[in-house]
Amino acid sequence: MKKLFTLLTIASLFMACNGEEETEDRSIQPTVKTSTVKSISYNIIAQYPHDTASYTEGLELYNGKLYESGGDYINSVLQYGDLKTGKIEKKNNMGSATIFGEGITILNGKLYQLTYQTHDVFVYDVKDITKVIQKFTWPYEGWGMTNNGTDLIITTGGTDLYFVDPATFKIKNTVHIHDDNGPIDSVNELEYVNGFVWGNVYTTKDILKIDPQNGAVVGKMSFNNLPGTDSIPGRTDYFNGIAYDSTSKSFFITGKRWPKIYEVKLN
C-alpha cells in the first residue's frame, strides 16, 4: 500500500511538472527572419532551337552571334551561330579524353574559355575561335565565367567569386557568395548585367542575382515550369546557360542538350 501511494505521488508530480513545461514551451514564440532575397518575376516571350549535341557550359551573345561552350569529355566544343535559327556557323571540336570545356566570356576582342579539371584556360581571337592564341593556368576547377568590362569573374563550384586580371590571370579579389542562410556553392554559368552577376545554381532551375561587391544574393529567378525541356529522354540534362542582349534587354536561357533556348524579359 505504501509503495502504491509513493508511486502515485511520483506520477502526479511528474505529470504536474510536464504540464508546467508544456505551458512554458507554448508561450515561446519562434523568431521569424525576413529574407532579403527577392523573387524576380519574368515572362517567356520567345523560344528558339538549340543544338541538342551541346552540353552547355557557357553562353554569350556578341555582335549578333550566339557563342557557346559545350562540355563533356571528347565531345567538348566551342561554337557560334545564329540565335533565331539555331544554325551553327563555326565549330571548334576542342574536347579530348582529358579536356572538358567550361565557361566562356568575351572581353576586348578575346574569347576566354575555362576547362573543368585540367587547369587550362584557352584564349582565342573572337573572330577566329578555331585557333588558341594564348594559354593560362588556373589553379582550381573551371566552372562559370563572365566579366565586368575590366576583370574576369570566375566560379569554381565552391562558394566564391574570383576577380581575375585578364592579362595575367592572377586573382585580384575574392568575395563569398551567400544569402540569409549562409554560404551558397555550385554557382555555375555566369552573366554580368547592369552591375550584378547572374548565375545558374548547378542541378537546380534557379538563377541567382549576386551583388559582386560583397557576394550577397539579392534576387532569384526560378524556372521550374519551363515547357519542353524533357523532350529528349536520356539526353537533356541540367539547366545551364545565360546570355544577355543589352539592346533588347532580354535574357536567353537554356540547358545541357536542351532542344530550346528561351528568351526572357524581367517584369
C-alpha atoms as a PDB file:
ATOM      1  CA  MET A   1       0.000   0.000   0.000  1.00  0.00           C
ATOM      2  CA  LYS A   2       2.859   2.326   0.939  1.00  0.00           C
ATOM      3  CA  LYS A   3       4.610   1.503  -2.324  1.00  0.00           C
ATOM      4  CA  LEU A   4       1.432   2.193  -4.322  1.00  0.00           C
ATOM      5  CA  PHE A   5       0.960   5.572  -2.590  1.00  0.00           C
ATOM      6  CA  THR A   6       4.573   6.512  -3.312  1.00  0.00           C
ATOM      7  CA  LEU A   7       4.276   5.562  -6.963  1.00  0.00           C
ATOM      8  CA  LEU A   8       1.038   7.539  -7.352  1.00  0.00           C
ATOM      9  CA  THR A   9       2.620  10.580  -5.723  1.00  0.00           C
ATOM     10  CA  ILE A  10       5.660  10.465  -8.019  1.00  0.00           C
ATOM     11  CA  ALA A  11       3.437  10.047 -11.083  1.00  0.00           C
ATOM     12  CA  SER A  12       1.318  13.038 -10.039  1.00  0.00           C
ATOM     13  CA  LEU A  13       4.380  15.204  -9.525  1.00  0.00           C
ATOM     14  CA  PHE A  14       5.820  14.124 -12.899  1.00  0.00           C
ATOM     15  CA  MET A  15       2.569  14.964 -14.707  1.00  0.00           C
ATOM     16  CA  ALA A  16       2.345  18.315 -12.962  1.00  0.00           C
ATOM     17  CA  CYS A  17       5.920  19.160 -13.920  1.00  0.00           C
ATOM     18  CA  ASN A  18       5.287  18.122 -17.513  1.00  0.00           C
ATOM     19  CA  GLY A  19       2.199  20.284 -17.620  1.00  0.00           C
ATOM     20  CA  GLU A  20       4.184  23.307 -16.451  1.00  0.00           C
ATOM     21  CA  GLU A  21       6.905  22.679 -19.041  1.00  0.00           C
ATOM     22  CA  GLU A  22       4.349  22.364 -21.842  1.00  0.00           C
ATOM     23  CA  THR A  23       2.769  25.674 -20.814  1.00  0.00           C
ATOM     24  CA  GLU A  24       6.180  27.352 -20.883  1.00  0.00           C
ATOM     25  CA  ASP A  25       7.030  25.836 -24.285  1.00  0.00           C
ATOM     26  CA  ARG A  26       3.750  27.073 -25.785  1.00  0.00           C
ATOM     27  CA  SER A  27       4.493  30.595 -24.607  1.00  0.00           C
ATOM     28  CA  ILE A  28       7.803  30.756 -26.534  1.00  0.00           C
ATOM     29  CA  GLN A  29       7.345  32.261 -29.994  1.00  0.00           C
ATOM     30  CA  PRO A  30       9.986  31.457 -32.655  1.00  0.00           C
ATOM     31  CA  THR A  31      11.856  34.354 -34.231  1.00  0.00           C
ATOM     32  CA  VAL A  32      10.951  34.710 -37.901  1.00  0.00           C
ATOM     33  CA  LYS A  33      13.746  36.131 -40.055  1.00  0.00           C
ATOM     34  CA  THR A  34      12.657  38.047 -43.147  1.00  0.00           C
ATOM     35  CA  SER A  35      14.646  37.066 -46.239  1.00  0.00           C
ATOM     36  CA  THR A  36      16.357  39.837 -48.178  1.00  0.00           C
ATOM     37  CA  VAL A  37      16.415  37.691 -51.343  1.00  0.00           C
ATOM     38  CA  LYS A  38      13.644  38.895 -53.632  1.00  0.00           C
ATOM     39  CA  SER A  39      11.775  36.625 -56.026  1.00  0.00           C
ATOM     40  CA  ILE A  40      12.195  38.035 -59.545  1.00  0.00           C
ATOM     41  CA  SER A  41       9.264  37.597 -61.912  1.00  0.00           C
ATOM     42  CA  TYR A  42       9.625  37.282 -65.663  1.00  0.00           C
ATOM     43  CA  ASN A  43       7.853  36.446 -68.910  1.00  0.00           C
ATOM     44  CA  ILE A  44       8.998  33.988 -71.566  1.00  0.00           C
ATOM     45  CA  ILE A  45       8.440  35.859 -74.814  1.00  0.00           C
ATOM     46  CA  ALA A  46      10.011  33.531 -77.399  1.00  0.00           C
ATOM     47  CA  GLN A  47      11.611  30.125 -77.967  1.00  0.00           C
ATOM     48  CA  TYR A  48      14.420  29.263 -80.390  1.00  0.00           C
ATOM     49  CA  PRO A  49      16.049  25.973 -81.453  1.00  0.00           C
ATOM     50  CA  HIS A  50      19.135  24.855 -79.544  1.00  0.00           C
ATOM     51  CA  ASP A  51      21.872  22.413 -80.514  1.00  0.00           C
ATOM     52  CA  THR A  52      20.971  19.216 -78.639  1.00  0.00           C
ATOM     53  CA  ALA A  53      24.511  17.924 -79.074  1.00  0.00           C
ATOM     54  CA  SER A  54      25.863  20.714 -76.871  1.00  0.00           C
ATOM     55  CA  TYR A  55      26.301  20.018 -73.152  1.00  0.00           C
ATOM     56  CA  THR A  56      26.024  23.740 -72.433  1.00  0.00           C
ATOM     57  CA  GLU A  57      28.627  25.238 -70.076  1.00  0.00           C
ATOM     58  CA  GLY A  58      28.955  28.804 -71.353  1.00  0.00           C
ATOM     59  CA  LEU A  59      26.641  31.052 -73.376  1.00  0.00           C
ATOM     60  CA  GLU A  60      27.350  34.540 -74.721  1.00  0.00           C
ATOM     61  CA  LEU A  61      25.750  36.942 -77.209  1.00  0.00           C
ATOM     62  CA  TYR A  62      28.286  39.027 -79.117  1.00  0.00           C
ATOM     63  CA  ASN A  63      27.792  41.134 -82.241  1.00  0.00           C
ATOM     64  CA  GLY A  64      24.557  39.360 -83.059  1.00  0.00           C
ATOM     65  CA  LYS A  65      26.009  35.841 -82.761  1.00  0.00           C
ATOM     66  CA  LEU A  66      25.396  33.285 -80.042  1.00  0.00           C
ATOM     67  CA  TYR A  67      28.674  31.821 -78.754  1.00  0.00           C
ATOM     68  CA  GLU A  68      28.556  28.571 -76.820  1.00  0.00           C
ATOM     69  CA  SER A  69      30.977  26.351 -74.952  1.00  0.00           C
ATOM     70  CA  GLY A  70      29.777  22.764 -74.630  1.00  0.00           C
ATOM     71  CA  GLY A  71      31.335  20.370 -72.151  1.00  0.00           C
ATOM     72  CA  ASP A  72      31.659  16.581 -71.917  1.00  0.00           C
ATOM     73  CA  TYR A  73      34.993  14.819 -72.476  1.00  0.00           C
ATOM     74  CA  ILE A  74      35.758  14.084 -76.132  1.00  0.00           C
ATOM     75  CA  ASN A  75      32.632  15.989 -77.245  1.00  0.00           C
ATOM     76  CA  SER A  76      33.506  19.443 -75.873  1.00  0.00           C
ATOM     77  CA  VAL A  77      33.049  22.245 -78.397  1.00  0.00           C
ATOM     78  CA  LEU A  78      33.388  25.960 -78.856  1.00  0.00           C
ATOM     79  CA  GLN A  79      30.971  27.288 -81.454  1.00  0.00           C
ATOM     80  CA  TYR A  80      28.878  30.206 -82.609  1.00  0.00           C
ATOM     81  CA  GLY A  81      25.870  30.675 -84.840  1.00  0.00           C
ATOM     82  CA  ASP A  82      22.504  32.288 -85.398  1.00  0.00           C
ATOM     83  CA  LEU A  83      20.333  32.559 -82.294  1.00  0.00           C
ATOM     84  CA  LYS A  84      16.949  32.514 -84.012  1.00  0.00           C
ATOM     85  CA  THR A  85      17.540  29.661 -86.448  1.00  0.00           C
ATOM     86  CA  GLY A  86      19.932  27.636 -84.306  1.00  0.00           C
ATOM     87  CA  LYS A  87      22.273  27.230 -87.289  1.00  0.00           C
ATOM     88  CA  ILE A  88      25.913  26.666 -86.257  1.00  0.00           C
ATOM     89  CA  GLU A  89      28.262  28.739 -88.395  1.00  0.00           C
ATOM     90  CA  LYS A  90      31.650  27.850 -86.891  1.00  0.00           C
ATOM     91  CA  LYS A  91      32.662  24.983 -84.623  1.00  0.00           C
ATOM     92  CA  ASN A  92      35.870  24.052 -82.840  1.00  0.00           C
ATOM     93  CA  ASN A  93      35.839  20.458 -81.567  1.00  0.00           C
ATOM     94  CA  MET A  94      38.355  21.240 -78.836  1.00  0.00           C
ATOM     95  CA  GLY A  95      37.484  18.383 -76.448  1.00  0.00           C
ATOM     96  CA  SER A  96      39.607  15.307 -75.734  1.00  0.00           C
ATOM     97  CA  ALA A  97      39.815  12.441 -73.268  1.00  0.00           C
ATOM     98  CA  THR A  98      41.141  14.969 -70.730  1.00  0.00           C
ATOM     99  CA  ILE A  99      39.864  18.364 -71.953  1.00  0.00           C
ATOM    100  CA  PHE A 100      36.333  19.309 -70.839  1.00  0.00           C
ATOM    101  CA  GLY A 101      35.171  22.763 -71.985  1.00  0.00           C
ATOM    102  CA  GLU A 102      33.575  25.066 -69.421  1.00  0.00           C
ATOM    103  CA  GLY A 103      32.538  28.727 -69.027  1.00  0.00           C
ATOM    104  CA  ILE A 104      33.353  31.443 -71.563  1.00  0.00           C
ATOM    105  CA  THR A 105      33.398  35.227 -71.726  1.00  0.00           C
ATOM    106  CA  ILE A 106      34.373  37.806 -74.344  1.00  0.00           C
ATOM    107  CA  LEU A 107      36.445  40.855 -73.384  1.00  0.00           C
ATOM    108  CA  ASN A 108      38.362  43.303 -75.589  1.00  0.00           C
ATOM    109  CA  GLY A 109      38.070  41.148 -78.694  1.00  0.00           C
ATOM    110  CA  LYS A 110      39.267  37.977 -76.964  1.00  0.00           C
ATOM    111  CA  LEU A 111      37.259  34.924 -76.000  1.00  0.00           C
ATOM    112  CA  TYR A 112      38.360  33.186 -72.785  1.00  0.00           C
ATOM    113  CA  GLN A 113      37.397  29.541 -72.183  1.00  0.00           C
ATOM    114  CA  LEU A 114      37.830  27.612 -68.942  1.00  0.00           C
ATOM    115  CA  THR A 115      38.336  23.863 -68.719  1.00  0.00           C
ATOM    116  CA  TYR A 116      36.939  21.669 -65.989  1.00  0.00           C
ATOM    117  CA  GLN A 117      39.798  19.890 -64.190  1.00  0.00           C
ATOM    118  CA  THR A 118      42.931  20.282 -66.333  1.00  0.00           C
ATOM    119  CA  HIS A 119      43.526  23.893 -65.152  1.00  0.00           C
ATOM    120  CA  ASP A 120      43.893  25.139 -68.735  1.00  0.00           C
ATOM    121  CA  VAL A 121      42.432  28.437 -69.905  1.00  0.00           C
ATOM    122  CA  PHE A 122      42.275  28.907 -73.679  1.00  0.00           C
ATOM    123  CA  VAL A 123      42.223  32.357 -75.256  1.00  0.00           C
ATOM    124  CA  TYR A 124      41.015  32.944 -78.819  1.00  0.00           C
ATOM    125  CA  ASP A 125      40.612  35.920 -81.109  1.00  0.00           C
ATOM    126  CA  VAL A 126      36.828  36.255 -81.115  1.00  0.00           C
ATOM    127  CA  LYS A 127      36.940  36.400 -84.932  1.00  0.00           C
ATOM    128  CA  ASP A 128      38.672  33.002 -85.127  1.00  0.00           C
ATOM    129  CA  ILE A 129      37.609  30.507 -82.462  1.00  0.00           C
ATOM    130  CA  THR A 130      39.468  27.642 -84.151  1.00  0.00           C
ATOM    131  CA  LYS A 131      42.929  28.736 -83.008  1.00  0.00           C
ATOM    132  CA  VAL A 132      44.244  29.219 -79.451  1.00  0.00           C
ATOM    133  CA  ILE A 133      46.363  32.375 -79.312  1.00  0.00           C
ATOM    134  CA  GLN A 134      47.240  32.257 -75.612  1.00  0.00           C
ATOM    135  CA  LYS A 135      47.041  29.864 -72.663  1.00  0.00           C
ATOM    136  CA  PHE A 136      46.867  30.402 -68.921  1.00  0.00           C
ATOM    137  CA  THR A 137      46.880  28.062 -65.946  1.00  0.00           C
ATOM    138  CA  TRP A 138      44.043  28.292 -63.428  1.00  0.00           C
ATOM    139  CA  PRO A 139      44.675  26.621 -60.032  1.00  0.00           C
ATOM    140  CA  TYR A 140      41.088  25.483 -59.402  1.00  0.00           C
ATOM    141  CA  GLU A 141      38.309  23.724 -61.263  1.00  0.00           C
ATOM    142  CA  GLY A 142      36.797  25.835 -64.031  1.00  0.00           C
ATOM    143  CA  TRP A 143      33.021  26.361 -63.846  1.00  0.00           C
ATOM    144  CA  GLY A 144      31.453  29.689 -64.858  1.00  0.00           C
ATOM    145  CA  MET A 145      32.967  32.895 -66.213  1.00  0.00           C
ATOM    146  CA  THR A 146      31.873  36.424 -67.098  1.00  0.00           C
ATOM    147  CA  ASN A 147      33.432  39.899 -66.953  1.00  0.00           C
ATOM    148  CA  ASN A 148      32.610  43.400 -65.722  1.00  0.00           C
ATOM    149  CA  GLY A 149      34.483  45.189 -68.506  1.00  0.00           C
ATOM    150  CA  THR A 150      37.745  45.166 -66.544  1.00  0.00           C
ATOM    151  CA  ASP A 151      38.083  41.897 -64.638  1.00  0.00           C
ATOM    152  CA  LEU A 152      37.169  38.317 -65.450  1.00  0.00           C
ATOM    153  CA  ILE A 153      34.778  36.850 -62.851  1.00  0.00           C
ATOM    154  CA  ILE A 154      35.043  33.097 -62.241  1.00  0.00           C
ATOM    155  CA  THR A 155      33.345  30.372 -60.208  1.00  0.00           C
ATOM    156  CA  THR A 156      34.844  27.008 -59.302  1.00  0.00           C
ATOM    157  CA  GLY A 157      31.966  25.040 -57.772  1.00  0.00           C
ATOM    158  CA  GLY A 158      32.717  26.417 -54.307  1.00  0.00           C
ATOM    159  CA  THR A 159      31.260  29.444 -52.546  1.00  0.00           C
ATOM    160  CA  ASP A 160      33.463  32.160 -54.066  1.00  0.00           C
ATOM    161  CA  LEU A 161      33.501  34.633 -56.942  1.00  0.00           C
ATOM    162  CA  TYR A 162      37.070  35.243 -58.132  1.00  0.00           C
ATOM    163  CA  PHE A 163      38.001  38.530 -59.825  1.00  0.00           C
ATOM    164  CA  VAL A 164      40.894  37.894 -62.188  1.00  0.00           C
ATOM    165  CA  ASP A 165      43.258  40.083 -64.236  1.00  0.00           C
ATOM    166  CA  PRO A 166      42.656  39.126 -67.908  1.00  0.00           C
ATOM    167  CA  ALA A 167      46.257  39.975 -68.867  1.00  0.00           C
ATOM    168  CA  THR A 168      47.959  37.748 -66.277  1.00  0.00           C
ATOM    169  CA  PHE A 169      45.153  35.540 -64.927  1.00  0.00           C
ATOM    170  CA  LYS A 170      46.182  36.471 -61.390  1.00  0.00           C
ATOM    171  CA  ILE A 171      43.447  36.662 -58.752  1.00  0.00           C
ATOM    172  CA  LYS A 172      42.822  40.275 -57.688  1.00  0.00           C
ATOM    173  CA  ASN A 173      39.932  39.796 -55.278  1.00  0.00           C
ATOM    174  CA  THR A 174      37.549  37.177 -53.907  1.00  0.00           C
ATOM    175  CA  VAL A 175      34.042  37.534 -52.453  1.00  0.00           C
ATOM    176  CA  HIS A 176      31.942  34.829 -50.806  1.00  0.00           C
ATOM    177  CA  ILE A 177      28.530  34.031 -52.292  1.00  0.00           C
ATOM    178  CA  HIS A 178      25.880  33.945 -49.554  1.00  0.00           C
ATOM    179  CA  ASP A 179      22.275  34.599 -48.660  1.00  0.00           C
ATOM    180  CA  ASP A 180      20.499  34.967 -45.284  1.00  0.00           C
ATOM    181  CA  ASN A 181      21.075  31.276 -44.517  1.00  0.00           C
ATOM    182  CA  GLY A 182      24.813  31.255 -45.182  1.00  0.00           C
ATOM    183  CA  PRO A 183      27.235  30.333 -47.986  1.00  0.00           C
ATOM    184  CA  ILE A 184      25.990  29.127 -51.384  1.00  0.00           C
ATOM    185  CA  ASP A 185      28.059  26.795 -53.539  1.00  0.00           C
ATOM    186  CA  SER A 186      27.697  25.268 -57.032  1.00  0.00           C
ATOM    187  CA  VAL A 187      27.031  28.546 -58.851  1.00  0.00           C
ATOM    188  CA  ASN A 188      27.852  27.668 -62.438  1.00  0.00           C
ATOM    189  CA  GLU A 189      27.295  29.634 -65.682  1.00  0.00           C
ATOM    190  CA  LEU A 190      27.558  33.416 -65.196  1.00  0.00           C
ATOM    191  CA  GLU A 191      26.448  36.636 -66.865  1.00  0.00           C
ATOM    192  CA  TYR A 192      27.255  40.194 -65.786  1.00  0.00           C
ATOM    193  CA  VAL A 193      24.301  42.570 -66.292  1.00  0.00           C
ATOM    194  CA  ASN A 194      23.944  46.158 -65.081  1.00  0.00           C
ATOM    195  CA  GLY A 195      26.316  45.836 -62.153  1.00  0.00           C
ATOM    196  CA  PHE A 196      25.202  42.402 -60.945  1.00  0.00           C
ATOM    197  CA  VAL A 197      26.389  38.837 -61.537  1.00  0.00           C
ATOM    198  CA  TRP A 198      23.664  36.381 -62.526  1.00  0.00           C
ATOM    199  CA  GLY A 199      24.438  32.686 -62.060  1.00  0.00           C
ATOM    200  CA  ASN A 200      22.852  29.275 -62.569  1.00  0.00           C
ATOM    201  CA  VAL A 201      22.867  27.055 -59.488  1.00  0.00           C
ATOM    202  CA  TYR A 202      24.030  23.633 -60.657  1.00  0.00           C
ATOM    203  CA  THR A 203      21.389  20.822 -60.502  1.00  0.00           C
ATOM    204  CA  THR A 204      18.571  23.360 -59.939  1.00  0.00           C
ATOM    205  CA  LYS A 205      16.457  25.560 -62.209  1.00  0.00           C
ATOM    206  CA  ASP A 206      17.356  28.696 -60.269  1.00  0.00           C
ATOM    207  CA  ILE A 207      19.287  31.763 -61.381  1.00  0.00           C
ATOM    208  CA  LEU A 208      20.682  33.978 -58.622  1.00  0.00           C
ATOM    209  CA  LYS A 209      21.292  37.721 -58.805  1.00  0.00           C
ATOM    210  CA  ILE A 210      24.507  38.410 -56.886  1.00  0.00           C
ATOM    211  CA  ASP A 211      25.981  41.711 -55.705  1.00  0.00           C
ATOM    212  CA  PRO A 212      29.651  41.470 -56.794  1.00  0.00           C
ATOM    213  CA  GLN A 213      30.728  43.968 -54.139  1.00  0.00           C
ATOM    214  CA  ASN A 214      30.028  41.606 -51.265  1.00  0.00           C
ATOM    215  CA  GLY A 215      28.743  38.325 -52.738  1.00  0.00           C
ATOM    216  CA  ALA A 216      25.239  38.777 -51.303  1.00  0.00           C
ATOM    217  CA  VAL A 217      22.389  37.133 -53.196  1.00  0.00           C
ATOM    218  CA  VAL A 218      19.758  39.847 -53.672  1.00  0.00           C
ATOM    219  CA  GLY A 219      17.333  38.104 -56.009  1.00  0.00           C
ATOM    220  CA  LYS A 220      16.336  34.764 -57.516  1.00  0.00           C
ATOM    221  CA  MET A 221      14.532  33.595 -60.650  1.00  0.00           C
ATOM    222  CA  SER A 222      13.049  30.092 -60.606  1.00  0.00           C
ATOM    223  CA  PHE A 223      12.379  28.219 -63.870  1.00  0.00           C
ATOM    224  CA  ASN A 224      10.798  25.017 -62.578  1.00  0.00           C
ATOM    225  CA  ASN A 225       7.884  25.211 -65.024  1.00  0.00           C
ATOM    226  CA  LEU A 226       9.720  25.717 -68.302  1.00  0.00           C
ATOM    227  CA  PRO A 227       7.933  23.905 -71.148  1.00  0.00           C
ATOM    228  CA  GLY A 228       9.557  21.374 -73.435  1.00  0.00           C
ATOM    229  CA  THR A 229      12.742  20.632 -71.504  1.00  0.00           C
ATOM    230  CA  ASP A 230      12.181  16.878 -71.193  1.00  0.00           C
ATOM    231  CA  SER A 231      11.515  16.155 -74.844  1.00  0.00           C
ATOM    232  CA  ILE A 232      14.643  14.016 -75.310  1.00  0.00           C
ATOM    233  CA  PRO A 233      14.642  11.345 -72.575  1.00  0.00           C
ATOM    234  CA  GLY A 234      18.141  10.332 -71.536  1.00  0.00           C
ATOM    235  CA  ARG A 235      19.700  13.299 -73.356  1.00  0.00           C
ATOM    236  CA  THR A 236      18.532  16.535 -71.777  1.00  0.00           C
ATOM    237  CA  ASP A 237      20.428  17.382 -68.621  1.00  0.00           C
ATOM    238  CA  TYR A 238      20.667  20.185 -66.081  1.00  0.00           C
ATOM    239  CA  PHE A 239      19.529  23.772 -66.568  1.00  0.00           C
ATOM    240  CA  ASN A 240      22.596  25.853 -67.506  1.00  0.00           C
ATOM    241  CA  GLY A 241      23.340  28.793 -69.775  1.00  0.00           C
ATOM    242  CA  ILE A 242      22.641  32.534 -69.528  1.00  0.00           C
ATOM    243  CA  ALA A 243      23.223  35.152 -72.208  1.00  0.00           C
ATOM    244  CA  TYR A 244      22.038  38.761 -72.250  1.00  0.00           C
ATOM    245  CA  ASP A 245      21.249  41.216 -75.039  1.00  0.00           C
ATOM    246  CA  SER A 246      21.712  44.794 -73.819  1.00  0.00           C
ATOM    247  CA  THR A 247      19.811  46.163 -76.826  1.00  0.00           C
ATOM    248  CA  SER A 248      16.593  44.199 -76.317  1.00  0.00           C
ATOM    249  CA  LYS A 249      17.207  43.838 -72.560  1.00  0.00           C
ATOM    250  CA  SER A 250      16.418  40.134 -72.862  1.00  0.00           C
ATOM    251  CA  PHE A 251      17.972  37.140 -71.131  1.00  0.00           C
ATOM    252  CA  PHE A 252      18.436  33.926 -73.121  1.00  0.00           C
ATOM    253  CA  ILE A 253      18.493  30.707 -71.114  1.00  0.00           C
ATOM    254  CA  THR A 254      18.866  27.014 -71.887  1.00  0.00           C
ATOM    255  CA  GLY A 255      20.244  23.747 -70.545  1.00  0.00           C
ATOM    256  CA  LYS A 256      22.635  20.941 -71.337  1.00  0.00           C
ATOM    257  CA  ARG A 257      21.470  19.336 -74.601  1.00  0.00           C
ATOM    258  CA  TRP A 258      18.123  21.112 -74.313  1.00  0.00           C
ATOM    259  CA  PRO A 259      16.193  21.446 -77.576  1.00  0.00           C
ATOM    260  CA  LYS A 260      15.279  25.082 -76.921  1.00  0.00           C
ATOM    261  CA  ILE A 261      16.615  28.452 -75.875  1.00  0.00           C
ATOM    262  CA  TYR A 262      14.116  30.716 -74.117  1.00  0.00           C
ATOM    263  CA  GLU A 263      14.002  34.499 -74.392  1.00  0.00           C
ATOM    264  CA  VAL A 264      13.078  36.009 -71.043  1.00  0.00           C
ATOM    265  CA  LYS A 265      12.025  39.533 -70.066  1.00  0.00           C
ATOM    266  CA  LEU A 266      12.067  40.628 -66.446  1.00  0.00           C
ATOM    267  CA  ASN A 267       8.876  42.195 -65.089  1.00  0.00           C
END
